[in-house]
Amino acid sequence: TPSGRALTVNPALVRMLGYGSEEELLSVDIANDLYVDPKMRNRLMEKLDRDGFVRNEELTLQRKDGMAITVFENSRTVRDESGKVLYYEGTLTDITEQKKAEEALRESEEKYRQFFEQGLAGHFITTPQGKILACNPAFARIFGFNTVLDALSTHAYDFYPKKEARDAYLRLLKEKRKLENFPLEMRRKDGSVLHTIEDVAASFDEDGEITRITGYVLDITERKQLEEHLRQAQKMESIGTLAGGIA
């Protein structure tokens, strides 16, 4: 009723709100006992009085034990011949678990977004034809671009020394479906040599053709240079030892 008294409820609502019986639930003051915020009921009544109905109105209610639940309300206003409100009738659907799942998904997506945007590895999504669908700032930086937009405007084939090198890469990826710690010699925007390792996986259509490539790339150019310097130093040390032995 407009005053907040329940006239009839079904067993499902009794269970939803945690009461022991229909009689017990009928004895509560709806506005003060069922709403976490009684003002929410006032706003609901205003909509019902104005429009005559509500559809999927999201409300926060509290069970008998005090636990808050989230529900969708679908209800309508029933009036007498003079237009006076007699009562409201409708249904409540408990969406608490759905809301929790949505919140967990949002948190997961936010963590992934932060990981994608702030990670040191260059994350990317490309088509097999070479179109870059998405990449993060680290990817742009690794390949010598100032911004992500600059990187997105280029083509994956541009990062390979020859077209044949990417074609071979695609054939291997199609065969293996994913590549881990895969070494690749690539090219920066300015054409300089870039040594990388990739972890990458492919998505396929029903015909077994690659539709999308997702992964990340790590720049190991400096490490390769240090390894080369070490090899040169060891070579010189060997030559020095040999020369000393000859002398």
Protein backbone atom coordinates (compact mmCIF):
# COMPACT_ATOMS: atom_id res chain seq x y z
CA THR A 1 0.00 0.00 0.00
CA PRO A 2 1.12 3.67 -0.27
CA SER A 3 1.60 3.64 3.50
CA GLY A 4 4.12 0.81 3.24
CA ARG A 5 2.14 -2.26 4.31
CA ALA A 6 2.37 -5.50 2.35
CA LEU A 7 -1.01 -7.03 1.45
CA THR A 8 0.20 -10.29 -0.05
CA VAL A 9 3.58 -11.88 -0.83
CA ASN A 10 4.62 -15.23 -2.26
CA PRO A 11 7.06 -17.77 -0.74
CA ALA A 12 9.84 -16.76 -3.16
CA LEU A 13 9.83 -13.21 -1.79
CA VAL A 14 9.82 -14.54 1.76
CA ARG A 15 12.95 -16.60 1.00
CA MET A 16 14.60 -13.75 -0.89
CA LEU A 17 14.25 -11.40 2.08
CA GLY A 18 15.16 -14.02 4.67
CA TYR A 19 11.93 -14.17 6.67
CA GLY A 20 10.48 -17.27 8.28
CA SER A 21 6.97 -17.04 6.88
CA GLU A 22 4.62 -14.97 4.78
CA GLU A 23 2.90 -13.74 7.94
CA GLU A 24 6.18 -12.45 9.35
CA LEU A 25 6.99 -10.54 6.17
CA LEU A 26 3.47 -9.08 6.04
CA SER A 27 4.03 -7.54 9.47
CA VAL A 28 7.06 -5.42 8.53
CA ASP A 29 7.13 -1.73 7.68
CA ILE A 30 8.33 -1.81 4.08
CA ALA A 31 9.89 1.64 3.98
CA ASN A 32 11.81 1.34 7.25
CA ASP A 33 12.47 -2.41 7.42
CA LEU A 34 13.20 -3.36 3.81
CA TYR A 35 14.98 -0.37 2.32
CA VAL A 36 18.62 0.36 3.12
CA ASP A 37 17.76 3.99 2.39
CA PRO A 38 14.05 4.83 3.03
CA LYS A 39 14.38 7.79 0.62
CA MET A 40 14.76 5.25 -2.18
CA ARG A 41 11.17 4.14 -1.58
CA ASN A 42 9.99 7.75 -1.74
CA ARG A 43 11.62 8.16 -5.15
CA LEU A 44 10.09 4.88 -6.30
CA MET A 45 6.62 6.03 -5.19
CA GLU A 46 7.06 9.29 -7.07
CA LYS A 47 7.77 7.38 -10.29
CA LEU A 48 4.85 5.02 -9.75
CA ASP A 49 2.46 7.88 -9.02
CA ARG A 50 3.71 9.87 -12.00
CA ASP A 51 4.08 7.16 -14.65
CA GLY A 52 1.90 4.38 -13.29
CA PHE A 53 4.65 1.76 -13.59
CA VAL A 54 8.41 1.09 -13.30
CA ARG A 55 10.51 -1.29 -15.39
CA ASN A 56 13.72 -2.88 -14.07
CA GLU A 57 14.09 -0.26 -11.36
CA GLU A 58 17.28 -1.11 -9.46
CA LEU A 59 16.84 -1.00 -5.68
CA THR A 60 18.97 -1.88 -2.67
CA LEU A 61 17.01 -3.75 -0.01
CA GLN A 62 18.01 -5.40 3.23
CA ARG A 63 17.15 -8.89 4.33
CA LYS A 64 15.92 -9.68 7.82
CA ASP A 65 19.51 -10.49 8.83
CA GLY A 66 20.66 -7.04 7.66
CA MET A 67 22.47 -8.20 4.55
CA ALA A 68 21.97 -5.85 1.61
CA ILE A 69 20.74 -7.26 -1.69
CA THR A 70 20.23 -5.64 -5.08
CA VAL A 71 16.94 -6.22 -6.90
CA PHE A 72 15.11 -5.25 -10.05
CA GLU A 73 11.54 -4.12 -9.46
CA ASN A 74 8.82 -4.27 -12.09
CA SER A 75 5.53 -2.95 -10.78
CA ARG A 76 2.44 -0.90 -11.56
CA THR A 77 0.05 1.38 -9.74
CA VAL A 78 -3.53 0.21 -9.15
CA ARG A 79 -6.11 3.01 -8.66
CA ASP A 80 -9.81 3.19 -7.94
CA GLU A 81 -12.37 4.90 -10.20
CA SER A 82 -11.57 8.30 -8.71
CA GLY A 83 -7.83 7.90 -9.39
CA LYS A 84 -6.85 7.26 -5.79
CA VAL A 85 -3.96 4.82 -5.36
CA LEU A 86 -5.15 1.57 -3.85
CA TYR A 87 -1.93 -0.40 -3.96
CA TYR A 88 1.13 -1.29 -6.02
CA GLU A 89 1.69 -4.76 -7.44
CA GLY A 90 4.70 -6.28 -9.10
CA THR A 91 7.75 -8.50 -8.86
CA LEU A 92 11.25 -8.33 -7.43
CA THR A 93 14.19 -10.17 -8.97
CA ASP A 94 17.34 -10.69 -6.90
CA ILE A 95 20.34 -9.60 -9.01
CA THR A 96 22.88 -9.49 -6.18
CA GLU A 97 25.12 -12.22 -7.61
CA GLN A 98 24.84 -10.72 -11.07
CA LYS A 99 25.95 -7.34 -9.70
CA LYS A 100 28.88 -8.96 -7.90
CA ALA A 101 29.90 -10.72 -11.11
CA GLU A 102 29.64 -7.45 -13.06
CA GLU A 103 31.75 -5.65 -10.45
CA ALA A 104 34.34 -8.44 -10.50
CA LEU A 105 34.41 -8.20 -14.29
CA ARG A 106 34.87 -4.42 -14.15
CA GLU A 107 37.71 -4.80 -11.67
CA SER A 108 39.31 -7.46 -13.84
CA GLU A 109 38.95 -5.29 -16.93
CA GLU A 110 40.43 -2.32 -15.08
CA LYS A 111 43.39 -4.39 -13.90
CA TYR A 112 43.91 -5.66 -17.43
CA ARG A 113 43.62 -2.12 -18.81
CA GLN A 114 46.24 -0.89 -16.36
CA PHE A 115 48.44 -3.87 -17.16
CA PHE A 116 47.97 -3.24 -20.89
CA GLU A 117 48.54 0.51 -20.66
CA GLN A 118 51.30 0.64 -18.06
CA GLY A 119 53.19 -2.61 -18.73
CA LEU A 120 56.81 -2.59 -19.85
CA ALA A 121 56.12 -5.21 -22.51
CA GLY A 122 54.72 -4.10 -25.85
CA HIS A 123 51.22 -5.57 -26.02
CA PHE A 124 49.49 -5.73 -29.38
CA ILE A 125 46.58 -7.15 -31.36
CA THR A 126 46.95 -7.42 -35.14
CA THR A 127 45.26 -9.06 -38.09
CA PRO A 128 47.26 -11.56 -40.15
CA GLN A 129 47.19 -9.00 -42.96
CA GLY A 130 49.21 -6.68 -40.72
CA LYS A 131 46.63 -4.15 -39.49
CA ILE A 132 47.38 -3.14 -35.90
CA LEU A 133 44.07 -3.21 -34.02
CA ALA A 134 45.42 -2.23 -30.61
CA CYS A 135 48.71 -1.63 -28.87
CA ASN A 136 49.97 -0.04 -25.66
CA PRO A 137 52.43 2.83 -25.10
CA ALA A 138 55.30 0.36 -24.51
CA PHE A 139 54.74 -1.13 -27.98
CA ALA A 140 54.86 2.34 -29.54
CA ARG A 141 58.01 3.19 -27.60
CA ILE A 142 59.79 -0.06 -28.52
CA PHE A 143 59.24 0.57 -32.24
CA GLY A 144 60.21 4.23 -32.03
CA PHE A 145 56.83 5.94 -32.22
CA ASN A 146 55.89 8.97 -30.16
CA THR A 147 52.31 7.91 -29.51
CA VAL A 148 50.03 4.90 -29.73
CA LEU A 149 48.10 6.63 -32.53
CA ASP A 150 51.30 6.88 -34.57
CA ALA A 151 51.91 3.17 -34.08
CA LEU A 152 48.31 2.28 -35.02
CA SER A 153 48.64 4.18 -38.28
CA THR A 154 51.47 1.95 -39.48
CA HIS A 155 51.54 -1.68 -40.65
CA ALA A 156 52.97 -4.78 -38.99
CA TYR A 157 54.83 -5.72 -42.16
CA ASP A 158 56.84 -2.50 -41.74
CA PHE A 159 58.49 -3.99 -38.64
CA TYR A 160 60.10 -6.86 -40.54
CA PRO A 161 63.33 -6.62 -42.58
CA LYS A 162 61.56 -8.33 -45.51
CA LYS A 163 57.97 -9.27 -46.34
CA GLU A 164 59.11 -12.90 -46.54
CA ALA A 165 60.15 -12.78 -42.88
CA ARG A 166 56.61 -12.01 -41.70
CA ASP A 167 55.13 -14.53 -44.11
CA ALA A 168 57.36 -17.22 -42.60
CA TYR A 169 56.36 -16.07 -39.12
CA LEU A 170 52.67 -16.40 -40.02
CA ARG A 171 53.15 -19.88 -41.46
CA LEU A 172 54.88 -21.02 -38.27
CA LEU A 173 52.21 -19.41 -36.07
CA LYS A 174 49.47 -21.13 -38.07
CA GLU A 175 51.23 -24.45 -37.55
CA LYS A 176 52.04 -24.02 -33.84
CA ARG A 177 48.99 -21.85 -32.94
CA LYS A 178 51.15 -20.02 -30.37
CA LEU A 179 54.80 -19.07 -29.98
CA GLU A 180 56.60 -18.59 -26.67
CA ASN A 181 59.90 -16.76 -26.15
CA PHE A 182 60.15 -16.57 -29.92
CA PRO A 183 63.18 -14.55 -31.13
CA LEU A 184 62.61 -12.08 -33.95
CA GLU A 185 64.88 -9.57 -35.63
CA MET A 186 62.69 -6.59 -36.44
CA ARG A 187 62.99 -2.95 -37.46
CA ARG A 188 62.16 0.30 -35.68
CA LYS A 189 60.42 3.20 -37.34
CA ASP A 190 63.81 4.67 -38.32
CA GLY A 191 64.94 1.36 -39.83
CA SER A 192 67.40 0.45 -37.07
CA VAL A 193 67.73 -3.19 -36.05
CA LEU A 194 65.54 -4.31 -33.15
CA HIS A 195 66.07 -7.66 -31.45
CA THR A 196 62.94 -8.97 -29.74
CA ILE A 197 61.31 -12.00 -28.20
CA GLU A 198 57.56 -12.56 -28.49
CA ASP A 199 54.85 -14.49 -26.71
CA VAL A 200 51.97 -14.64 -29.15
CA ALA A 201 48.80 -16.63 -29.78
CA ALA A 202 46.51 -16.79 -32.79
CA SER A 203 42.71 -17.00 -33.09
CA PHE A 204 41.29 -19.08 -35.94
CA ASP A 205 38.08 -19.26 -37.95
CA GLU A 206 36.16 -22.44 -38.82
CA ASP A 207 38.41 -23.03 -41.83
CA GLY A 208 41.55 -22.95 -39.69
CA GLU A 209 42.70 -19.55 -40.95
CA ILE A 210 44.19 -16.98 -38.60
CA THR A 211 41.77 -14.16 -37.79
CA ARG A 212 43.65 -12.33 -35.06
CA ILE A 213 47.07 -12.32 -33.41
CA THR A 214 47.45 -11.30 -29.77
CA GLY A 215 50.64 -11.11 -27.77
CA TYR A 216 53.46 -9.03 -26.42
CA VAL A 217 56.98 -8.21 -27.51
CA LEU A 218 60.08 -7.52 -25.41
CA ASP A 219 63.02 -5.45 -26.61
CA ILE A 220 66.26 -7.39 -25.98
CA THR A 221 68.44 -5.29 -28.30
CA GLU A 222 70.61 -3.99 -25.46
CA ARG A 223 71.08 -7.50 -24.10
CA LYS A 224 72.10 -8.74 -27.55
CA GLN A 225 74.60 -5.90 -27.81
CA LEU A 226 76.07 -6.74 -24.40
CA GLU A 227 76.32 -10.40 -25.38
CA GLU A 228 78.14 -9.39 -28.58
CA HIS A 229 80.54 -7.16 -26.63
CA LEU A 230 81.21 -10.05 -24.26
CA ARG A 231 81.94 -12.38 -27.16
CA GLN A 232 84.32 -9.82 -28.66
CA ALA A 233 86.07 -9.41 -25.30
CA GLN A 234 86.43 -13.17 -24.91
CA LYS A 235 87.76 -13.40 -28.46
CA MET A 236 90.37 -10.71 -27.75
CA GLU A 237 91.31 -12.48 -24.52
CA SER A 238 91.83 -15.72 -26.44
CA ILE A 239 93.94 -13.95 -29.03
CA GLY A 240 96.01 -12.34 -26.26
CA THR A 241 96.56 -15.72 -24.58
CA LEU A 242 97.55 -17.28 -27.89
CA ALA A 243 99.94 -14.41 -28.69
CA GLY A 244 101.46 -14.66 -25.22
CA GLY A 245 101.98 -18.39 -25.71
CA ILE A 246 103.68 -17.83 -29.05
CA ALA A 247 105.96 -15.15 -27.60
